PDB file of N, CA and C in Angstrom:
ATOM      1  N   MET A   1       0.817  -1.199   0.000  1.00  0.00           N
ATOM      2  CA  MET A   1       0.000   0.000   0.000  1.00  0.00           C
ATOM      3  C   MET A   1       0.863   1.268   0.000  1.00  0.00           C
ATOM      4  N   ALA A   2       1.962   1.224   0.741  1.00  0.00           N
ATOM      5  CA  ALA A   2       2.844   2.393   0.803  1.00  0.00           C
ATOM      6  C   ALA A   2       3.467   2.694  -0.555  1.00  0.00           C
ATOM      7  N   TRP A   3       3.770   1.669  -1.327  1.00  0.00           N
ATOM      8  CA  TRP A   3       4.379   1.901  -2.642  1.00  0.00           C
ATOM      9  C   TRP A   3       3.397   2.563  -3.593  1.00  0.00           C
ATOM     10  N   LEU A   4       2.093   2.299  -3.414  1.00  0.00           N
ATOM     11  CA  LEU A   4       1.088   2.975  -4.242  1.00  0.00           C
ATOM     12  C   LEU A   4       1.071   4.474  -3.948  1.00  0.00           C
ATOM     13  N   ARG A   5       1.157   4.814  -2.684  1.00  0.00           N
ATOM     14  CA  ARG A   5       1.194   6.231  -2.303  1.00  0.00           C
ATOM     15  C   ARG A   5       2.443   6.906  -2.852  1.00  0.00           C
ATOM     16  N   LEU A   6       3.567   6.210  -2.748  1.00  0.00           N
ATOM     17  CA  LEU A   6       4.815   6.758  -3.263  1.00  0.00           C
ATOM     18  C   LEU A   6       4.734   6.963  -4.773  1.00  0.00           C
ATOM     19  N   ALA A   7       4.186   5.988  -5.479  1.00  0.00           N
ATOM     20  CA  ALA A   7       4.039   6.100  -6.935  1.00  0.00           C
ATOM     21  C   ALA A   7       3.133   7.270  -7.299  1.00  0.00           C
ATOM     22  N   ALA A   8       2.046   7.453  -6.545  1.00  0.00           N
ATOM     23  CA  ALA A   8       1.123   8.559  -6.803  1.00  0.00           C
ATOM     24  C   ALA A   8       1.806   9.903  -6.557  1.00  0.00           C
ATOM     25  N   LEU A   9       2.581  10.003  -5.497  1.00  0.00           N
ATOM     26  CA  LEU A   9       3.296  11.247  -5.200  1.00  0.00           C
ATOM     27  C   LEU A   9       4.343  11.557  -6.263  1.00  0.00           C
ATOM     28  N   LEU A  10       5.040  10.544  -6.731  1.00  0.00           N
ATOM     29  CA  LEU A  10       6.034  10.756  -7.786  1.00  0.00           C
ATOM     30  C   LEU A  10       5.373  11.199  -9.081  1.00  0.00           C
ATOM     31  N   ALA A  11       4.223  10.613  -9.401  1.00  0.00           N
ATOM     32  CA  ALA A  11       3.490  11.007 -10.608  1.00  0.00           C
ATOM     33  C   ALA A  11       3.013  12.451 -10.494  1.00  0.00           C
ATOM     34  N   LEU A  12       2.509  12.823  -9.330  1.00  0.00           N
ATOM     35  CA  LEU A  12       2.053  14.193  -9.105  1.00  0.00           C
ATOM     36  C   LEU A  12       3.217  15.178  -9.208  1.00  0.00           C
ATOM     37  N   ALA A  13       4.335  14.842  -8.608  1.00  0.00           N
ATOM     38  CA  ALA A  13       5.507  15.719  -8.667  1.00  0.00           C
ATOM     39  C   ALA A  13       5.974  15.907 -10.102  1.00  0.00           C
ATOM     40  N   SER A  14       5.940  14.849 -10.872  1.00  0.00           N
ATOM     41  CA  SER A  14       6.340  14.931 -12.274  1.00  0.00           C
ATOM     42  C   SER A  14       5.389  15.818 -13.062  1.00  0.00           C
ATOM     43  N   ALA A  15       4.092  15.677 -12.810  1.00  0.00           N
ATOM     44  CA  ALA A  15       3.089  16.487 -13.508  1.00  0.00           C
ATOM     45  C   ALA A  15       3.252  17.960 -13.162  1.00  0.00           C
ATOM     46  N   VAL A  16       3.482  18.261 -11.905  1.00  0.00           N
ATOM     47  CA  VAL A  16       3.660  19.652 -11.478  1.00  0.00           C
ATOM     48  C   VAL A  16       4.906  20.242 -12.114  1.00  0.00           C
ATOM     49  N   ALA A  17       5.984  19.491 -12.120  1.00  0.00           N
ATOM     50  CA  ALA A  17       7.233  19.995 -12.694  1.00  0.00           C
ATOM     51  C   ALA A  17       7.098  20.263 -14.182  1.00  0.00           C
ATOM     52  N   SER A  18       6.322  19.441 -14.878  1.00  0.00           N
ATOM     53  CA  SER A  18       6.196  19.622 -16.323  1.00  0.00           C
ATOM     54  C   SER A  18       5.212  20.723 -16.686  1.00  0.00           C
ATOM     55  N   GLN A  19       4.299  21.069 -15.791  1.00  0.00           N
ATOM     56  CA  GLN A  19       3.272  22.050 -16.108  1.00  0.00           C
ATOM     57  C   GLN A  19       3.593  23.449 -15.609  1.00  0.00           C
ATOM     58  N   HIS A  20       4.414  23.573 -14.619  1.00  0.00           N
ATOM     59  CA  HIS A  20       4.668  24.869 -14.007  1.00  0.00           C
ATOM     60  C   HIS A  20       6.166  25.134 -13.958  1.00  0.00           C
ATOM     61  N   GLY A  21       6.624  26.101 -14.746  1.00  0.00           N
ATOM     62  CA  GLY A  21       8.040  26.436 -14.726  1.00  0.00           C
ATOM     63  C   GLY A  21       8.396  27.169 -13.452  1.00  0.00           C
ATOM     64  N   THR A  22       9.599  27.021 -13.029  1.00  0.00           N
ATOM     65  CA  THR A  22      10.052  27.677 -11.817  1.00  0.00           C
ATOM     66  C   THR A  22      10.313  29.156 -12.084  1.00  0.00           C
ATOM     67  N   VAL A  23       9.739  30.010 -11.263  1.00  0.00           N
ATOM     68  CA  VAL A  23       9.921  31.460 -11.382  1.00  0.00           C
ATOM     69  C   VAL A  23      11.380  31.798 -11.093  1.00  0.00           C
ATOM     70  N   GLY A  24      11.966  32.623 -11.961  1.00  0.00           N
ATOM     71  CA  GLY A  24      13.345  33.038 -11.781  1.00  0.00           C
ATOM     72  C   GLY A  24      14.354  32.179 -12.514  1.00  0.00           C
ATOM     73  N   ARG A  25      13.901  31.085 -13.111  1.00  0.00           N
ATOM     74  CA  ARG A  25      14.811  30.213 -13.858  1.00  0.00           C
ATOM     75  C   ARG A  25      15.303  30.950 -15.100  1.00  0.00           C
ATOM     76  N   PRO A  26      16.586  30.827 -15.456  1.00  0.00           N
ATOM     77  CA  PRO A  26      17.095  31.480 -16.670  1.00  0.00           C
ATOM     78  C   PRO A  26      16.380  30.967 -17.922  1.00  0.00           C
ATOM     79  N   CYS A  27      16.152  31.852 -18.900  1.00  0.00           N
ATOM     80  CA  CYS A  27      15.466  31.469 -20.133  1.00  0.00           C
ATOM     81  C   CYS A  27      15.954  32.337 -21.280  1.00  0.00           C
ATOM     82  N   GLU A  28      15.706  31.864 -22.483  1.00  0.00           N
ATOM     83  CA  GLU A  28      15.979  32.634 -23.698  1.00  0.00           C
ATOM     84  C   GLU A  28      14.672  33.031 -24.368  1.00  0.00           C
ATOM     85  N   VAL A  29      13.705  32.094 -24.387  1.00  0.00           N
ATOM     86  CA  VAL A  29      12.380  32.320 -24.970  1.00  0.00           C
ATOM     87  C   VAL A  29      11.340  31.753 -24.020  1.00  0.00           C
ATOM     88  N   SER A  30      10.083  32.160 -24.190  1.00  0.00           N
ATOM     89  CA  SER A  30       9.022  31.754 -23.267  1.00  0.00           C
ATOM     90  C   SER A  30       8.802  30.249 -23.216  1.00  0.00           C
ATOM     91  N   THR A  31       9.081  29.541 -24.309  1.00  0.00           N
ATOM     92  CA  THR A  31       8.896  28.085 -24.284  1.00  0.00           C
ATOM     93  C   THR A  31       9.892  27.394 -23.361  1.00  0.00           C
ATOM     94  N   ASP A  32      10.915  28.091 -22.924  1.00  0.00           N
ATOM     95  CA  ASP A  32      11.858  27.537 -21.945  1.00  0.00           C
ATOM     96  C   ASP A  32      11.244  27.482 -20.547  1.00  0.00           C
ATOM     97  N   CYS A  33      10.154  28.211 -20.337  1.00  0.00           N
ATOM     98  CA  CYS A  33       9.623  28.394 -18.987  1.00  0.00           C
ATOM     99  C   CYS A  33       8.535  27.401 -18.586  1.00  0.00           C
ATOM    100  N   GLY A  34       7.543  27.175 -19.400  1.00  0.00           N
ATOM    101  CA  GLY A  34       6.474  26.258 -19.029  1.00  0.00           C
ATOM    102  C   GLY A  34       5.131  26.955 -18.945  1.00  0.00           C
ATOM    103  N   THR A  35       4.110  26.180 -18.638  1.00  0.00           N
ATOM    104  CA  THR A  35       2.742  26.672 -18.564  1.00  0.00           C
ATOM    105  C   THR A  35       2.604  27.748 -17.493  1.00  0.00           C
ATOM    106  N   GLY A  36       1.965  28.858 -17.858  1.00  0.00           N
ATOM    107  CA  GLY A  36       1.725  29.931 -16.906  1.00  0.00           C
ATOM    108  C   GLY A  36       2.894  30.879 -16.733  1.00  0.00           C
ATOM    109  N   ASN A  37       3.957  30.666 -17.507  1.00  0.00           N
ATOM    110  CA  ASN A  37       5.172  31.470 -17.401  1.00  0.00           C
ATOM    111  C   ASN A  37       5.511  32.104 -18.735  1.00  0.00           C
ATOM    112  N   TYR A  38       6.336  33.127 -18.681  1.00  0.00           N
ATOM    113  CA  TYR A  38       6.915  33.706 -19.893  1.00  0.00           C
ATOM    114  C   TYR A  38       8.345  34.127 -19.572  1.00  0.00           C
ATOM    115  N   CYS A  39       9.136  34.325 -20.600  1.00  0.00           N
ATOM    116  CA  CYS A  39      10.515  34.765 -20.419  1.00  0.00           C
ATOM    117  C   CYS A  39      10.516  36.295 -20.400  1.00  0.00           C
ATOM    118  N   ALA A  40      10.758  36.860 -19.240  1.00  0.00           N
ATOM    119  CA  ALA A  40      10.714  38.315 -19.059  1.00  0.00           C
ATOM    120  C   ALA A  40      11.962  38.974 -19.653  1.00  0.00           C
ATOM    121  N   GLY A  41      11.965  40.291 -19.688  1.00  0.00           N
ATOM    122  CA  GLY A  41      13.065  41.062 -20.249  1.00  0.00           C
ATOM    123  C   GLY A  41      14.406  40.807 -19.581  1.00  0.00           C
ATOM    124  N   ASN A  42      14.384  40.367 -18.332  1.00  0.00           N
ATOM    125  CA  ASN A  42      15.634  40.076 -17.622  1.00  0.00           C
ATOM    126  C   ASN A  42      16.124  38.648 -17.874  1.00  0.00           C
ATOM    127  N   LYS A  43      15.495  37.966 -18.859  1.00  0.00           N
ATOM    128  CA  LYS A  43      15.847  36.586 -19.235  1.00  0.00           C
ATOM    129  C   LYS A  43      15.651  35.600 -18.088  1.00  0.00           C
ATOM    130  N   ARG A  44      14.578  35.839 -17.313  1.00  0.00           N
ATOM    131  CA  ARG A  44      14.182  34.939 -16.227  1.00  0.00           C
ATOM    132  C   ARG A  44      12.700  34.639 -16.384  1.00  0.00           C
ATOM    133  N   CYS A  45      12.280  33.414 -16.036  1.00  0.00           N
ATOM    134  CA  CYS A  45      10.869  33.042 -16.123  1.00  0.00           C
ATOM    135  C   CYS A  45      10.057  33.808 -15.084  1.00  0.00           C
ATOM    136  N   ALA A  46       8.878  34.262 -15.487  1.00  0.00           N
ATOM    137  CA  ALA A  46       7.962  34.991 -14.604  1.00  0.00           C
ATOM    138  C   ALA A  46       6.540  34.514 -14.887  1.00  0.00           C
ATOM    139  N   CYS A  47       5.624  34.740 -13.951  1.00  0.00           N
ATOM    140  CA  CYS A  47       4.230  34.315 -14.113  1.00  0.00           C
ATOM    141  C   CYS A  47       3.468  35.242 -15.052  1.00  0.00           C
ATOM    142  N   LEU A  48       2.595  34.653 -15.859  1.00  0.00           N
ATOM    143  CA  LEU A  48       1.660  35.436 -16.658  1.00  0.00           C
ATOM    144  C   LEU A  48       0.700  36.160 -15.720  1.00  0.00           C
ATOM    145  N   THR A  49      -0.007  37.166 -16.214  1.00  0.00           N
ATOM    146  CA  THR A  49      -0.911  37.946 -15.361  1.00  0.00           C
ATOM    147  C   THR A  49      -2.099  37.134 -14.866  1.00  0.00           C
ATOM    148  N   THR A  50      -2.445  36.041 -15.534  1.00  0.00           N
ATOM    149  CA  THR A  50      -3.572  35.201 -15.100  1.00  0.00           C
ATOM    150  C   THR A  50      -3.124  34.098 -14.151  1.00  0.00           C
ATOM    151  N   TYR A  51      -1.863  34.141 -13.732  1.00  0.00           N
ATOM    152  CA  TYR A  51      -1.308  33.163 -12.797  1.00  0.00           C
ATOM    153  C   TYR A  51      -0.759  33.898 -11.587  1.00  0.00           C
ATOM    154  N   VAL A  52      -0.646  33.198 -10.466  1.00  0.00           N
ATOM    155  CA  VAL A  52      -0.058  33.768  -9.257  1.00  0.00           C
ATOM    156  C   VAL A  52       1.154  32.931  -8.864  1.00  0.00           C
ATOM    157  N   GLU A  53       2.138  33.597  -8.281  1.00  0.00           N
ATOM    158  CA  GLU A  53       3.340  32.891  -7.835  1.00  0.00           C
ATOM    159  C   GLU A  53       3.166  32.423  -6.401  1.00  0.00           C
ATOM    160  N   ILE A  54       3.365  31.143  -6.176  1.00  0.00           N
ATOM    161  CA  ILE A  54       3.353  30.564  -4.834  1.00  0.00           C
ATOM    162  C   ILE A  54       4.580  29.670  -4.732  1.00  0.00           C
ATOM    163  N   ASP A  55       5.471  29.989  -3.808  1.00  0.00           N
ATOM    164  CA  ASP A  55       6.693  29.209  -3.599  1.00  0.00           C
ATOM    165  C   ASP A  55       7.472  28.984  -4.892  1.00  0.00           C
ATOM    166  N   SER A  56       7.643  30.027  -5.667  1.00  0.00           N
ATOM    167  CA  SER A  56       8.423  30.018  -6.916  1.00  0.00           C
ATOM    168  C   SER A  56       7.793  29.228  -8.057  1.00  0.00           C
ATOM    169  N   TYR A  57       6.504  28.912  -7.954  1.00  0.00           N
ATOM    170  CA  TYR A  57       5.774  28.252  -9.037  1.00  0.00           C
ATOM    171  C   TYR A  57       4.570  29.098  -9.419  1.00  0.00           C
ATOM    172  N   CYS A  58       4.167  29.020 -10.681  1.00  0.00           N
ATOM    173  CA  CYS A  58       3.001  29.757 -11.162  1.00  0.00           C
ATOM    174  C   CYS A  58       1.779  28.849 -11.168  1.00  0.00           C
ATOM    175  N   TRP A  59       0.722  29.310 -10.531  1.00  0.00           N
ATOM    176  CA  TRP A  59      -0.538  28.563 -10.462  1.00  0.00           C
ATOM    177  C   TRP A  59      -1.644  29.435 -11.038  1.00  0.00           C
ATOM    178  N   ARG A  60      -2.548  28.817 -11.800  1.00  0.00           N
ATOM    179  CA  ARG A  60      -3.644  29.568 -12.417  1.00  0.00           C
ATOM    180  C   ARG A  60      -4.465  30.249 -11.328  1.00  0.00           C
ATOM    181  N   SER A  61      -4.714  31.537 -11.520  1.00  0.00           N
ATOM    182  CA  SER A  61      -5.491  32.310 -10.561  1.00  0.00           C
ATOM    183  C   SER A  61      -6.972  32.011 -10.731  1.00  0.00           C
ATOM    184  N   LYS A  62      -7.626  31.622  -9.662  1.00  0.00           N
ATOM    185  CA  LYS A  62      -9.071  31.359  -9.714  1.00  0.00           C
ATOM    186  C   LYS A  62      -9.827  32.654  -9.979  1.00  0.00           C
ATOM    187  N   CYS A  63      -9.367  33.762  -9.424  1.00  0.00           N
ATOM    188  CA  CYS A  63     -10.040  35.047  -9.635  1.00  0.00           C
ATOM    189  C   CYS A  63      -9.958  35.467 -11.093  1.00  0.00           C
ATOM    190  N   ALA A  64      -8.784  35.344 -11.697  1.00  0.00           N
ATOM    191  CA  ALA A  64      -8.618  35.730 -13.100  1.00  0.00           C
ATOM    192  C   ALA A  64      -9.471  34.847 -13.996  1.00  0.00           C
ATOM    193  N   SER A  65      -9.541  33.555 -13.700  1.00  0.00           N
ATOM    194  CA  SER A  65     -10.355  32.638 -14.501  1.00  0.00           C
ATOM    195  C   SER A  65     -11.825  33.022 -14.416  1.00  0.00           C
ATOM    196  N   TYR A  66     -12.286  33.394 -13.222  1.00  0.00           N
ATOM    197  CA  TYR A  66     -13.684  33.779 -13.036  1.00  0.00           C
ATOM    198  C   TYR A  66     -13.984  35.065 -13.801  1.00  0.00           C
ATOM    199  N   VAL A  67     -13.110  36.052 -13.667  1.00  0.00           N
ATOM    200  CA  VAL A  67     -13.323  37.341 -14.333  1.00  0.00           C
ATOM    201  C   VAL A  67     -13.342  37.158 -15.842  1.00  0.00           C
ATOM    202  N   LEU A  68     -12.401  36.396 -16.377  1.00  0.00           N
ATOM    203  CA  LEU A  68     -12.334  36.190 -17.820  1.00  0.00           C
ATOM    204  C   LEU A  68     -13.550  35.443 -18.350  1.00  0.00           C
ATOM    205  N   SER A  69     -14.075  34.492 -17.579  1.00  0.00           N
ATOM    206  CA  SER A  69     -15.214  33.700 -18.050  1.00  0.00           C
ATOM    207  C   SER A  69     -16.543  34.436 -17.890  1.00  0.00           C
ATOM    208  N   HIS A  70     -16.566  35.518 -17.108  1.00  0.00           N
ATOM    209  CA  HIS A  70     -17.805  36.258 -16.871  1.00  0.00           C
ATOM    210  C   HIS A  70     -17.753  37.678 -17.436  1.00  0.00           C
ATOM    211  N   SER A  71     -16.879  37.913 -18.399  1.00  0.00           N
ATOM    212  CA  SER A  71     -16.812  39.265 -18.965  1.00  0.00           C
ATOM    213  C   SER A  71     -17.417  39.303 -20.348  1.00  0.00           C
TER     214      SER A  71
END
């Protein structure tokens, strides 16, 4: 049973790493950063305006999603 939990946690960690680029990571173009990120003028990954930074990761903002879907 413990190995199932470990496998699930590893799968989740992999999914998070592939979907959310780390804020501040060096980049050349926005595709270097990941979902919810762009390559800013200082050549570092930053969150898009519809995402919020939490612990150096970009997460889709629930408020921005609501506003965009109701405008």
